[in-house]
Amino acid sequence: MKNLEAVMNQYAKYVIQQSRTRLTKDDKGGGNLYNSLSYQLMEDDQAMLVEFMMADYGAFVDRGVKGKTSTYPETRSALSPFQYGSGTGKKGGLTKGIDKWLRKKRFQWRDKKGRFMS
């Protein structure tokens, strides 16, 4: 049983390491999700289990999130059960909200020469 426990620990550490590598390659490393990855060994008389844990939003990051319609069927988000939007809103409906947010943050666009734009 001690050998099995050692192998299970080694496997769990490998899975965590590979998960963190994948997050880093996707430019999502070093954050809350990266640091929340952990595991726990559980055993009883007849079985030994490994339970992997992560922040709740890890499932969204892992499977991707698509809009009402997925434009790229080859992406992993196209197969994701998670989606946002109903597809019933008007086109460009977020423009006013984004513009309001940009004004609130006092964001200023610049042209290629570095001059401020309206």
PDB file of N, CA and C in Angstrom:
ATOM      1  N   MET A   1       0.824  -1.192   0.000  1.00  0.00           N
ATOM      2  CA  MET A   1       0.000   0.000   0.000  1.00  0.00           C
ATOM      3  C   MET A   1       0.875   1.266   0.000  1.00  0.00           C
ATOM      4  N   LYS A   2       2.040   1.214   0.629  1.00  0.00           N
ATOM      5  CA  LYS A   2       2.927   2.380   0.651  1.00  0.00           C
ATOM      6  C   LYS A   2       3.422   2.701  -0.752  1.00  0.00           C
ATOM      7  N   ASN A   3       3.732   1.658  -1.548  1.00  0.00           N
ATOM      8  CA  ASN A   3       4.179   1.899  -2.921  1.00  0.00           C
ATOM      9  C   ASN A   3       3.061   2.543  -3.741  1.00  0.00           C
ATOM     10  N   LEU A   4       1.843   2.073  -3.545  1.00  0.00           N
ATOM     11  CA  LEU A   4       0.713   2.648  -4.258  1.00  0.00           C
ATOM     12  C   LEU A   4       0.527   4.114  -3.883  1.00  0.00           C
ATOM     13  N   GLU A   5       0.652   4.428  -2.626  1.00  0.00           N
ATOM     14  CA  GLU A   5       0.521   5.811  -2.180  1.00  0.00           C
ATOM     15  C   GLU A   5       1.599   6.695  -2.798  1.00  0.00           C
ATOM     16  N   ALA A   6       2.819   6.185  -2.882  1.00  0.00           N
ATOM     17  CA  ALA A   6       3.913   6.953  -3.493  1.00  0.00           C
ATOM     18  C   ALA A   6       3.644   7.200  -4.970  1.00  0.00           C
ATOM     19  N   VAL A   7       3.146   6.181  -5.668  1.00  0.00           N
ATOM     20  CA  VAL A   7       2.854   6.315  -7.101  1.00  0.00           C
ATOM     21  C   VAL A   7       1.699   7.293  -7.311  1.00  0.00           C
ATOM     22  N   MET A   8       0.674   7.217  -6.476  1.00  0.00           N
ATOM     23  CA  MET A   8      -0.465   8.134  -6.599  1.00  0.00           C
ATOM     24  C   MET A   8      -0.041   9.575  -6.338  1.00  0.00           C
ATOM     25  N   ASN A   9       0.813   9.790  -5.351  1.00  0.00           N
ATOM     26  CA  ASN A   9       1.343  11.132  -5.082  1.00  0.00           C
ATOM     27  C   ASN A   9       2.146  11.637  -6.266  1.00  0.00           C
ATOM     28  N   GLN A  10       2.980  10.787  -6.831  1.00  0.00           N
ATOM     29  CA  GLN A  10       3.799  11.175  -7.981  1.00  0.00           C
ATOM     30  C   GLN A  10       2.909  11.533  -9.165  1.00  0.00           C
ATOM     31  N   TYR A  11       1.873  10.726  -9.410  1.00  0.00           N
ATOM     32  CA  TYR A  11       0.938  10.994 -10.505  1.00  0.00           C
ATOM     33  C   TYR A  11       0.213  12.327 -10.296  1.00  0.00           C
ATOM     34  N   ALA A  12      -0.281  12.559  -9.085  1.00  0.00           N
ATOM     35  CA  ALA A  12      -1.025  13.790  -8.797  1.00  0.00           C
ATOM     36  C   ALA A  12      -0.136  15.022  -8.981  1.00  0.00           C
ATOM     37  N   LYS A  13       1.097  14.942  -8.526  1.00  0.00           N
ATOM     38  CA  LYS A  13       2.029  16.064  -8.705  1.00  0.00           C
ATOM     39  C   LYS A  13       2.296  16.313 -10.184  1.00  0.00           C
ATOM     40  N   TYR A  14       2.384  15.249 -10.972  1.00  0.00           N
ATOM     41  CA  TYR A  14       2.607  15.378 -12.402  1.00  0.00           C
ATOM     42  C   TYR A  14       1.420  16.077 -13.074  1.00  0.00           C
ATOM     43  N   VAL A  15       0.195  15.687 -12.706  1.00  0.00           N
ATOM     44  CA  VAL A  15      -1.004  16.306 -13.283  1.00  0.00           C
ATOM     45  C   VAL A  15      -1.057  17.795 -12.939  1.00  0.00           C
ATOM     46  N   ILE A  16      -0.755  18.145 -11.698  1.00  0.00           N
ATOM     47  CA  ILE A  16      -0.738  19.558 -11.278  1.00  0.00           C
ATOM     48  C   ILE A  16       0.322  20.324 -12.063  1.00  0.00           C
ATOM     49  N   GLN A  17       1.502  19.731 -12.206  1.00  0.00           N
ATOM     50  CA  GLN A  17       2.592  20.393 -12.941  1.00  0.00           C
ATOM     51  C   GLN A  17       2.210  20.620 -14.397  1.00  0.00           C
ATOM     52  N   GLN A  18       1.588  19.623 -15.037  1.00  0.00           N
ATOM     53  CA  GLN A  18       1.168  19.756 -16.430  1.00  0.00           C
ATOM     54  C   GLN A  18       0.055  20.804 -16.576  1.00  0.00           C
ATOM     55  N   SER A  19      -0.838  20.858 -15.612  1.00  0.00           N
ATOM     56  CA  SER A  19      -1.913  21.857 -15.641  1.00  0.00           C
ATOM     57  C   SER A  19      -1.345  23.265 -15.537  1.00  0.00           C
ATOM     58  N   ARG A  20      -0.389  23.440 -14.645  1.00  0.00           N
ATOM     59  CA  ARG A  20       0.231  24.763 -14.501  1.00  0.00           C
ATOM     60  C   ARG A  20       1.017  25.142 -15.748  1.00  0.00           C
ATOM     61  N   THR A  21       1.670  24.166 -16.373  1.00  0.00           N
ATOM     62  CA  THR A  21       2.392  24.432 -17.620  1.00  0.00           C
ATOM     63  C   THR A  21       1.425  24.892 -18.702  1.00  0.00           C
ATOM     64  N   ARG A  22       0.287  24.217 -18.793  1.00  0.00           N
ATOM     65  CA  ARG A  22      -0.711  24.592 -19.799  1.00  0.00           C
ATOM     66  C   ARG A  22      -1.243  26.000 -19.550  1.00  0.00           C
ATOM     67  N   LEU A  23      -1.507  26.334 -18.289  1.00  0.00           N
ATOM     68  CA  LEU A  23      -1.965  27.687 -17.969  1.00  0.00           C
ATOM     69  C   LEU A  23      -0.914  28.723 -18.356  1.00  0.00           C
ATOM     70  N   THR A  24       0.342  28.431 -18.077  1.00  0.00           N
ATOM     71  CA  THR A  24       1.423  29.362 -18.405  1.00  0.00           C
ATOM     72  C   THR A  24       1.532  29.547 -19.913  1.00  0.00           C
ATOM     73  N   LYS A  25       1.423  28.461 -20.678  1.00  0.00           N
ATOM     74  CA  LYS A  25       1.501  28.552 -22.134  1.00  0.00           C
ATOM     75  C   LYS A  25       0.343  29.355 -22.710  1.00  0.00           C
ATOM     76  N   ASP A  26      -0.816  29.336 -22.017  1.00  0.00           N
ATOM     77  CA  ASP A  26      -1.980  30.112 -22.461  1.00  0.00           C
ATOM     78  C   ASP A  26      -1.983  31.523 -21.865  1.00  0.00           C
ATOM     79  N   ASP A  27      -0.854  31.956 -21.308  1.00  0.00           N
ATOM     80  CA  ASP A  27      -0.707  33.274 -20.677  1.00  0.00           C
ATOM     81  C   ASP A  27      -1.698  33.486 -19.534  1.00  0.00           C
ATOM     82  N   LYS A  28      -1.968  32.434 -18.756  1.00  0.00           N
ATOM     83  CA  LYS A  28      -2.865  32.523 -17.612  1.00  0.00           C
ATOM     84  C   LYS A  28      -2.175  32.018 -16.347  1.00  0.00           C
ATOM     85  N   GLY A  29      -0.863  31.955 -16.379  1.00  0.00           N
ATOM     86  CA  GLY A  29      -0.114  31.429 -15.246  1.00  0.00           C
ATOM     87  C   GLY A  29       0.134  32.466 -14.173  1.00  0.00           C
ATOM     88  N   GLY A  30       0.401  31.992 -12.966  1.00  0.00           N
ATOM     89  CA  GLY A  30       0.763  32.873 -11.868  1.00  0.00           C
ATOM     90  C   GLY A  30      -0.397  33.517 -11.148  1.00  0.00           C
ATOM     91  N   GLY A  31      -1.615  33.277 -11.589  1.00  0.00           N
ATOM     92  CA  GLY A  31      -2.767  33.915 -10.973  1.00  0.00           C
ATOM     93  C   GLY A  31      -3.443  33.044  -9.935  1.00  0.00           C
ATOM     94  N   ASN A  32      -4.662  33.416  -9.613  1.00  0.00           N
ATOM     95  CA  ASN A  32      -5.431  32.704  -8.596  1.00  0.00           C
ATOM     96  C   ASN A  32      -5.691  31.254  -8.992  1.00  0.00           C
ATOM     97  N   LEU A  33      -6.059  31.020 -10.245  1.00  0.00           N
ATOM     98  CA  LEU A  33      -6.323  29.660 -10.698  1.00  0.00           C
ATOM     99  C   LEU A  33      -5.063  28.812 -10.625  1.00  0.00           C
ATOM    100  N   TYR A  34      -3.964  29.354 -11.087  1.00  0.00           N
ATOM    101  CA  TYR A  34      -2.669  28.669 -11.060  1.00  0.00           C
ATOM    102  C   TYR A  34      -2.317  28.244  -9.630  1.00  0.00           C
ATOM    103  N   ASN A  35      -2.504  29.157  -8.698  1.00  0.00           N
ATOM    104  CA  ASN A  35      -2.156  28.878  -7.305  1.00  0.00           C
ATOM    105  C   ASN A  35      -3.181  28.004  -6.587  1.00  0.00           C
ATOM    106  N   SER A  36      -4.393  27.905  -7.118  1.00  0.00           N
ATOM    107  CA  SER A  36      -5.430  27.126  -6.444  1.00  0.00           C
ATOM    108  C   SER A  36      -5.369  25.637  -6.774  1.00  0.00           C
ATOM    109  N   LEU A  37      -4.577  25.259  -7.766  1.00  0.00           N
ATOM    110  CA  LEU A  37      -4.485  23.849  -8.140  1.00  0.00           C
ATOM    111  C   LEU A  37      -3.870  23.043  -7.004  1.00  0.00           C
ATOM    112  N   SER A  38      -4.570  21.992  -6.594  1.00  0.00           N
ATOM    113  CA  SER A  38      -4.061  21.124  -5.528  1.00  0.00           C
ATOM    114  C   SER A  38      -4.714  19.754  -5.651  1.00  0.00           C
ATOM    115  N   TYR A  39      -4.281  18.835  -4.819  1.00  0.00           N
ATOM    116  CA  TYR A  39      -4.859  17.500  -4.819  1.00  0.00           C
ATOM    117  C   TYR A  39      -4.899  16.970  -3.397  1.00  0.00           C
ATOM    118  N   GLN A  40      -5.692  15.908  -3.246  1.00  0.00           N
ATOM    119  CA  GLN A  40      -5.812  15.270  -1.940  1.00  0.00           C
ATOM    120  C   GLN A  40      -5.969  13.773  -2.182  1.00  0.00           C
ATOM    121  N   LEU A  41      -5.191  12.962  -1.481  1.00  0.00           N
ATOM    122  CA  LEU A  41      -5.325  11.506  -1.543  1.00  0.00           C
ATOM    123  C   LEU A  41      -6.331  11.050  -0.501  1.00  0.00           C
ATOM    124  N   MET A  42      -7.224  10.170  -0.914  1.00  0.00           N
ATOM    125  CA  MET A  42      -8.201   9.615   0.013  1.00  0.00           C
ATOM    126  C   MET A  42      -8.139   8.100  -0.117  1.00  0.00           C
ATOM    127  N   GLU A  43      -8.128   7.422   1.002  1.00  0.00           N
ATOM    128  CA  GLU A  43      -8.107   5.970   0.936  1.00  0.00           C
ATOM    129  C   GLU A  43      -9.016   5.376   2.001  1.00  0.00           C
ATOM    130  N   ASP A  44      -9.563   4.219   1.647  1.00  0.00           N
ATOM    131  CA  ASP A  44     -10.311   3.437   2.620  1.00  0.00           C
ATOM    132  C   ASP A  44      -9.799   2.002   2.538  1.00  0.00           C
ATOM    133  N   ASP A  45     -10.559   1.062   2.989  1.00  0.00           N
ATOM    134  CA  ASP A  45     -10.087  -0.317   3.028  1.00  0.00           C
ATOM    135  C   ASP A  45      -9.878  -0.928   1.643  1.00  0.00           C
ATOM    136  N   GLN A  46     -10.651  -0.492   0.656  1.00  0.00           N
ATOM    137  CA  GLN A  46     -10.616  -1.140  -0.646  1.00  0.00           C
ATOM    138  C   GLN A  46     -10.177  -0.248  -1.799  1.00  0.00           C
ATOM    139  N   ALA A  47     -10.006   1.030  -1.579  1.00  0.00           N
ATOM    140  CA  ALA A  47      -9.688   1.916  -2.704  1.00  0.00           C
ATOM    141  C   ALA A  47      -8.836   3.100  -2.255  1.00  0.00           C
ATOM    142  N   MET A  48      -8.138   3.658  -3.234  1.00  0.00           N
ATOM    143  CA  MET A  48      -7.387   4.891  -3.026  1.00  0.00           C
ATOM    144  C   MET A  48      -7.772   5.833  -4.162  1.00  0.00           C
ATOM    145  N   LEU A  49      -8.181   7.034  -3.823  1.00  0.00           N
ATOM    146  CA  LEU A  49      -8.638   8.012  -4.800  1.00  0.00           C
ATOM    147  C   LEU A  49      -7.794   9.274  -4.727  1.00  0.00           C
ATOM    148  N   VAL A  50      -7.678   9.948  -5.868  1.00  0.00           N
ATOM    149  CA  VAL A  50      -7.033  11.255  -5.917  1.00  0.00           C
ATOM    150  C   VAL A  50      -8.110  12.258  -6.293  1.00  0.00           C
ATOM    151  N   GLU A  51      -8.250  13.291  -5.493  1.00  0.00           N
ATOM    152  CA  GLU A  51      -9.208  14.353  -5.784  1.00  0.00           C
ATOM    153  C   GLU A  51      -8.429  15.610  -6.139  1.00  0.00           C
ATOM    154  N   PHE A  52      -8.687  16.156  -7.339  1.00  0.00           N
ATOM    155  CA  PHE A  52      -8.033  17.381  -7.780  1.00  0.00           C
ATOM    156  C   PHE A  52      -8.958  18.553  -7.506  1.00  0.00           C
ATOM    157  N   MET A  53      -8.396  19.655  -7.040  1.00  0.00           N
ATOM    158  CA  MET A  53      -9.186  20.840  -6.707  1.00  0.00           C
ATOM    159  C   MET A  53      -8.607  22.069  -7.409  1.00  0.00           C
ATOM    160  N   MET A  54      -9.497  23.015  -7.718  1.00  0.00           N
ATOM    161  CA  MET A  54      -9.100  24.276  -8.343  1.00  0.00           C
ATOM    162  C   MET A  54     -10.192  25.294  -8.076  1.00  0.00           C
ATOM    163  N   ALA A  55      -9.905  26.540  -8.376  1.00  0.00           N
ATOM    164  CA  ALA A  55     -10.902  27.609  -8.237  1.00  0.00           C
ATOM    165  C   ALA A  55     -12.114  27.273  -9.112  1.00  0.00           C
ATOM    166  N   ASP A  56     -13.276  27.741  -8.707  1.00  0.00           N
ATOM    167  CA  ASP A  56     -14.523  27.400  -9.393  1.00  0.00           C
ATOM    168  C   ASP A  56     -14.502  27.727 -10.886  1.00  0.00           C
ATOM    169  N   TYR A  57     -13.907  28.839 -11.260  1.00  0.00           N
ATOM    170  CA  TYR A  57     -13.946  29.250 -12.660  1.00  0.00           C
ATOM    171  C   TYR A  57     -12.964  28.461 -13.526  1.00  0.00           C
ATOM    172  N   GLY A  58     -12.237  27.530 -12.935  1.00  0.00           N
ATOM    173  CA  GLY A  58     -11.299  26.702 -13.693  1.00  0.00           C
ATOM    174  C   GLY A  58     -11.973  25.879 -14.774  1.00  0.00           C
ATOM    175  N   ALA A  59     -13.211  25.457 -14.539  1.00  0.00           N
ATOM    176  CA  ALA A  59     -13.934  24.683 -15.558  1.00  0.00           C
ATOM    177  C   ALA A  59     -14.174  25.527 -16.803  1.00  0.00           C
ATOM    178  N   PHE A  60     -14.455  26.815 -16.630  1.00  0.00           N
ATOM    179  CA  PHE A  60     -14.654  27.700 -17.773  1.00  0.00           C
ATOM    180  C   PHE A  60     -13.356  27.871 -18.557  1.00  0.00           C
ATOM    181  N   VAL A  61     -12.250  28.019 -17.836  1.00  0.00           N
ATOM    182  CA  VAL A  61     -10.950  28.178 -18.485  1.00  0.00           C
ATOM    183  C   VAL A  61     -10.569  26.892 -19.207  1.00  0.00           C
ATOM    184  N   ASP A  62     -10.839  25.755 -18.587  1.00  0.00           N
ATOM    185  CA  ASP A  62     -10.475  24.466 -19.159  1.00  0.00           C
ATOM    186  C   ASP A  62     -11.264  24.153 -20.419  1.00  0.00           C
ATOM    187  N   ARG A  63     -12.559  24.380 -20.386  1.00  0.00           N
ATOM    188  CA  ARG A  63     -13.417  24.017 -21.517  1.00  0.00           C
ATOM    189  C   ARG A  63     -13.672  25.160 -22.486  1.00  0.00           C
ATOM    190  N   GLY A  64     -13.350  26.381 -22.094  1.00  0.00           N
ATOM    191  CA  GLY A  64     -13.611  27.526 -22.950  1.00  0.00           C
ATOM    192  C   GLY A  64     -15.049  27.987 -22.811  1.00  0.00           C
ATOM    193  N   VAL A  65     -15.317  29.187 -23.246  1.00  0.00           N
ATOM    194  CA  VAL A  65     -16.663  29.746 -23.207  1.00  0.00           C
ATOM    195  C   VAL A  65     -16.937  30.331 -24.577  1.00  0.00           C
ATOM    196  N   LYS A  66     -18.099  29.991 -25.133  1.00  0.00           N
ATOM    197  CA  LYS A  66     -18.434  30.494 -26.460  1.00  0.00           C
ATOM    198  C   LYS A  66     -19.591  31.468 -26.372  1.00  0.00           C
ATOM    199  N   GLY A  67     -19.750  32.242 -27.390  1.00  0.00           N
ATOM    200  CA  GLY A  67     -20.901  33.131 -27.482  1.00  0.00           C
ATOM    201  C   GLY A  67     -22.112  32.337 -27.941  1.00  0.00           C
ATOM    202  N   LYS A  68     -23.154  33.017 -28.360  1.00  0.00           N
ATOM    203  CA  LYS A  68     -24.367  32.333 -28.814  1.00  0.00           C
ATOM    204  C   LYS A  68     -24.044  31.373 -29.948  1.00  0.00           C
ATOM    205  N   THR A  69     -23.254  31.823 -30.892  1.00  0.00           N
ATOM    206  CA  THR A  69     -22.805  30.948 -31.983  1.00  0.00           C
ATOM    207  C   THR A  69     -21.296  30.977 -32.005  1.00  0.00           C
ATOM    208  N   SER A  70     -20.712  29.830 -32.199  1.00  0.00           N
ATOM    209  CA  SER A  70     -19.254  29.731 -32.232  1.00  0.00           C
ATOM    210  C   SER A  70     -18.779  29.944 -33.659  1.00  0.00           C
ATOM    211  N   THR A  71     -17.856  30.857 -33.849  1.00  0.00           N
ATOM    212  CA  THR A  71     -17.384  31.168 -35.195  1.00  0.00           C
ATOM    213  C   THR A  71     -16.289  30.233 -35.657  1.00  0.00           C
ATOM    214  N   TYR A  72     -15.600  29.611 -34.745  1.00  0.00           N
ATOM    215  CA  TYR A  72     -14.502  28.722 -35.100  1.00  0.00           C
ATOM    216  C   TYR A  72     -14.769  27.337 -34.536  1.00  0.00           C
ATOM    217  N   PRO A  73     -15.331  26.428 -35.331  1.00  0.00           N
ATOM    218  CA  PRO A  73     -15.686  25.113 -34.806  1.00  0.00           C
ATOM    219  C   PRO A  73     -14.481  24.292 -34.355  1.00  0.00           C
ATOM    220  N   GLU A  74     -13.297  24.624 -34.811  1.00  0.00           N
ATOM    221  CA  GLU A  74     -12.121  23.833 -34.425  1.00  0.00           C
ATOM    222  C   GLU A  74     -11.562  24.224 -33.055  1.00  0.00           C
ATOM    223  N   THR A  75     -12.078  25.279 -32.446  1.00  0.00           N
ATOM    224  CA  THR A  75     -11.596  25.672 -31.126  1.00  0.00           C
ATOM    225  C   THR A  75     -12.283  24.859 -30.053  1.00  0.00           C
ATOM    226  N   ARG A  76     -11.640  24.746 -28.903  1.00  0.00           N
ATOM    227  CA  ARG A  76     -12.230  23.948 -27.835  1.00  0.00           C
ATOM    228  C   ARG A  76     -13.499  24.586 -27.282  1.00  0.00           C
ATOM    229  N   SER A  77     -13.637  25.903 -27.434  1.00  0.00           N
ATOM    230  CA  SER A  77     -14.855  26.549 -26.933  1.00  0.00           C
ATOM    231  C   SER A  77     -16.082  26.151 -27.757  1.00  0.00           C
ATOM    232  N   ALA A  78     -15.879  25.722 -28.991  1.00  0.00           N
ATOM    233  CA  ALA A  78     -17.012  25.305 -29.814  1.00  0.00           C
ATOM    234  C   ALA A  78     -17.690  24.073 -29.230  1.00  0.00           C
ATOM    235  N   LEU A  79     -16.948  23.245 -28.521  1.00  0.00           N
ATOM    236  CA  LEU A  79     -17.506  22.039 -27.914  1.00  0.00           C
ATOM    237  C   LEU A  79     -17.885  22.241 -26.459  1.00  0.00           C
ATOM    238  N   SER A  80     -17.716  23.443 -25.967  1.00  0.00           N
ATOM    239  CA  SER A  80     -17.952  23.737 -24.560  1.00  0.00           C
ATOM    240  C   SER A  80     -19.443  23.806 -24.245  1.00  0.00           C
ATOM    241  N   PRO A  81     -19.836  23.310 -23.057  1.00  0.00           N
ATOM    242  CA  PRO A  81     -21.236  23.464 -22.659  1.00  0.00           C
ATOM    243  C   PRO A  81     -21.531  24.857 -22.124  1.00  0.00           C
ATOM    244  N   PHE A  82     -20.508  25.676 -21.941  1.00  0.00           N
ATOM    245  CA  PHE A  82     -20.679  27.012 -21.389  1.00  0.00           C
ATOM    246  C   PHE A  82     -20.813  28.026 -22.507  1.00  0.00           C
ATOM    247  N   GLN A  83     -21.800  28.907 -22.409  1.00  0.00           N
ATOM    248  CA  GLN A  83     -21.937  29.971 -23.392  1.00  0.00           C
ATOM    249  C   GLN A  83     -22.527  31.198 -22.724  1.00  0.00           C
ATOM    250  N   TYR A  84     -22.366  32.328 -23.353  1.00  0.00           N
ATOM    251  CA  TYR A  84     -22.948  33.560 -22.860  1.00  0.00           C
ATOM    252  C   TYR A  84     -23.775  34.171 -23.971  1.00  0.00           C
ATOM    253  N   GLY A  85     -24.727  34.953 -23.589  1.00  0.00           N
ATOM    254  CA  GLY A  85     -25.572  35.651 -24.559  1.00  0.00           C
ATOM    255  C   GLY A  85     -26.677  34.763 -25.089  1.00  0.00           C
ATOM    256  N   SER A  86     -27.767  35.371 -25.459  1.00  0.00           N
ATOM    257  CA  SER A  86     -28.906  34.630 -25.997  1.00  0.00           C
ATOM    258  C   SER A  86     -29.012  34.789 -27.507  1.00  0.00           C
ATOM    259  N   GLY A  87     -28.264  35.745 -28.050  1.00  0.00           N
ATOM    260  CA  GLY A  87     -28.340  36.002 -29.478  1.00  0.00           C
ATOM    261  C   GLY A  87     -29.536  36.856 -29.867  1.00  0.00           C
ATOM    262  N   THR A  88     -30.296  37.337 -28.865  1.00  0.00           N
ATOM    263  CA  THR A  88     -31.497  38.117 -29.176  1.00  0.00           C
ATOM    264  C   THR A  88     -31.261  39.616 -29.069  1.00  0.00           C
ATOM    265  N   GLY A  89     -30.126  40.028 -28.532  1.00  0.00           N
ATOM    266  CA  GLY A  89     -29.852  41.457 -28.379  1.00  0.00           C
ATOM    267  C   GLY A  89     -29.503  42.101 -29.708  1.00  0.00           C
ATOM    268  N   LYS A  90     -29.570  43.430 -29.735  1.00  0.00           N
ATOM    269  CA  LYS A  90     -29.257  44.111 -30.984  1.00  0.00           C
ATOM    270  C   LYS A  90     -27.749  44.097 -31.234  1.00  0.00           C
ATOM    271  N   LYS A  91     -27.380  44.155 -32.487  1.00  0.00           N
ATOM    272  CA  LYS A  91     -25.969  44.149 -32.876  1.00  0.00           C
ATOM    273  C   LYS A  91     -25.293  45.410 -32.354  1.00  0.00           C
ATOM    274  N   GLY A  92     -24.107  45.292 -31.809  1.00  0.00           N
ATOM    275  CA  GLY A  92     -23.377  46.431 -31.286  1.00  0.00           C
ATOM    276  C   GLY A  92     -23.964  46.962 -30.000  1.00  0.00           C
ATOM    277  N   GLY A  93     -24.717  46.151 -29.280  1.00  0.00           N
ATOM    278  CA  GLY A  93     -25.393  46.588 -28.068  1.00  0.00           C
ATOM    279  C   GLY A  93     -24.445  46.935 -26.927  1.00  0.00           C
ATOM    280  N   LEU A  94     -23.248  46.424 -26.960  1.00  0.00           N
ATOM    281  CA  LEU A  94     -22.283  46.711 -25.900  1.00  0.00           C
ATOM    282  C   LEU A  94     -21.522  48.013 -26.125  1.00  0.00           C
ATOM    283  N   THR A  95     -21.643  48.579 -27.302  1.00  0.00           N
ATOM    284  CA  THR A  95     -20.863  49.765 -27.647  1.00  0.00           C
ATOM    285  C   THR A  95     -21.097  50.910 -26.673  1.00  0.00           C
ATOM    286  N   LYS A  96     -22.350  51.165 -26.334  1.00  0.00           N
ATOM    287  CA  LYS A  96     -22.642  52.266 -25.412  1.00  0.00           C
ATOM    288  C   LYS A  96     -22.042  52.010 -24.030  1.00  0.00           C
ATOM    289  N   GLY A  97     -22.134  50.787 -23.554  1.00  0.00           N
ATOM    290  CA  GLY A  97     -21.589  50.448 -22.244  1.00  0.00           C
ATOM    291  C   GLY A  97     -20.078  50.554 -22.206  1.00  0.00           C
ATOM    292  N   ILE A  98     -19.436  50.094 -23.270  1.00  0.00           N
ATOM    293  CA  ILE A  98     -17.974  50.184 -23.340  1.00  0.00           C
ATOM    294  C   ILE A  98     -17.543  51.640 -23.429  1.00  0.00           C
ATOM    295  N   ASP A  99     -18.259  52.425 -24.243  1.00  0.00           N
ATOM    296  CA  ASP A  99     -17.937  53.846 -24.367  1.00  0.00           C
ATOM    297  C   ASP A  99     -18.077  54.560 -23.018  1.00  0.00           C
ATOM    298  N   LYS A 100     -19.137  54.246 -22.283  1.00  0.00           N
ATOM    299  CA  LYS A 100     -19.350  54.838 -20.960  1.00  0.00           C
ATOM    300  C   LYS A 100     -18.206  54.461 -20.005  1.00  0.00           C
ATOM    301  N   TRP A 101     -17.792  53.200 -20.057  1.00  0.00           N
ATOM    302  CA  TRP A 101     -16.702  52.741 -19.197  1.00  0.00           C
ATOM    303  C   TRP A 101     -15.397  53.457 -19.548  1.00  0.00           C
ATOM    304  N   LEU A 102     -15.121  53.602 -20.864  1.00  0.00           N
ATOM    305  CA  LEU A 102     -13.905  54.292 -21.299  1.00  0.00           C
ATOM    306  C   LEU A 102     -13.894  55.746 -20.831  1.00  0.00           C
ATOM    307  N   ARG A 103     -15.036  56.406 -20.897  1.00  0.00           N
ATOM    308  CA  ARG A 103     -15.123  57.793 -20.425  1.00  0.00           C
ATOM    309  C   ARG A 103     -14.910  57.875 -18.915  1.00  0.00           C
ATOM    310  N   LYS A 104     -15.501  56.943 -18.188  1.00  0.00           N
ATOM    311  CA  LYS A 104     -15.348  56.917 -16.733  1.00  0.00           C
ATOM    312  C   LYS A 104     -13.878  56.723 -16.342  1.00  0.00           C
ATOM    313  N   LYS A 105     -13.168  55.884 -17.100  1.00  0.00           N
ATOM    314  CA  LYS A 105     -11.750  55.615 -16.815  1.00  0.00           C
ATOM    315  C   LYS A 105     -10.833  56.676 -17.410  1.00  0.00           C
ATOM    316  N   ARG A 106     -11.434  57.642 -18.090  1.00  0.00           N
ATOM    317  CA  ARG A 106     -10.696  58.743 -18.729  1.00  0.00           C
ATOM    318  C   ARG A 106      -9.656  58.204 -19.710  1.00  0.00           C
ATOM    319  N   PHE A 107     -10.040  57.184 -20.447  1.00  0.00           N
ATOM    320  CA  PHE A 107      -9.158  56.585 -21.450  1.00  0.00           C
ATOM    321  C   PHE A 107      -9.076  57.511 -22.649  1.00  0.00           C
ATOM    322  N   GLN A 108      -7.912  57.644 -23.208  1.00  0.00           N
ATOM    323  CA  GLN A 108      -7.722  58.525 -24.346  1.00  0.00           C
ATOM    324  C   GLN A 108      -7.025  57.758 -25.469  1.00  0.00           C
ATOM    325  N   TRP A 109      -7.702  57.647 -26.617  1.00  0.00           N
ATOM    326  CA  TRP A 109      -7.106  56.976 -27.776  1.00  0.00           C
ATOM    327  C   TRP A 109      -5.970  57.825 -28.336  1.00  0.00           C
ATOM    328  N   ARG A 110      -4.990  57.177 -28.934  1.00  0.00           N
ATOM    329  CA  ARG A 110      -3.878  57.874 -29.585  1.00  0.00           C
ATOM    330  C   ARG A 110      -3.699  57.333 -30.997  1.00  0.00           C
ATOM    331  N   ASP A 111      -3.228  58.194 -31.897  1.00  0.00           N
ATOM    332  CA  ASP A 111      -2.939  57.729 -33.246  1.00  0.00           C
ATOM    333  C   ASP A 111      -1.528  57.161 -33.301  1.00  0.00           C
ATOM    334  N   LYS A 112      -1.068  56.783 -34.494  1.00  0.00           N
ATOM    335  CA  LYS A 112       0.250  56.146 -34.635  1.00  0.00           C
ATOM    336  C   LYS A 112       1.397  57.067 -34.256  1.00  0.00           C
ATOM    337  N   LYS A 113       1.166  58.362 -34.336  1.00  0.00           N
ATOM    338  CA  LYS A 113       2.215  59.335 -33.974  1.00  0.00           C
ATOM    339  C   LYS A 113       2.172  59.680 -32.487  1.00  0.00           C
ATOM    340  N   GLY A 114       1.192  59.142 -31.758  1.00  0.00           N
ATOM    341  CA  GLY A 114       1.112  59.383 -30.333  1.00  0.00           C
ATOM    342  C   GLY A 114       0.236  60.550 -29.934  1.00  0.00           C
ATOM    343  N   ARG A 115      -0.449  61.165 -30.926  1.00  0.00           N
ATOM    344  CA  ARG A 115      -1.330  62.290 -30.637  1.00  0.00           C
ATOM    345  C   ARG A 115      -2.677  61.784 -30.133  1.00  0.00           C
ATOM    346  N   PHE A 116      -3.271  62.544 -29.231  1.00  0.00           N
ATOM    347  CA  PHE A 116      -4.566  62.166 -28.699  1.00  0.00           C
ATOM    348  C   PHE A 116      -5.642  62.300 -29.765  1.00  0.00           C
ATOM    349  N   MET A 117      -6.593  61.363 -29.718  1.00  0.00           N
ATOM    350  CA  MET A 117      -7.724  61.391 -30.666  1.00  0.00           C
ATOM    351  C   MET A 117      -8.998  61.640 -29.870  1.00  0.00           C
ATOM    352  N   SER A 118     -10.036  62.074 -30.575  1.00  0.00           N
ATOM    353  CA  SER A 118     -11.318  62.278 -29.889  1.00  0.00           C
ATOM    354  C   SER A 118     -12.051  60.956 -29.846  1.00  0.00           C
TER     355      SER A 118
END
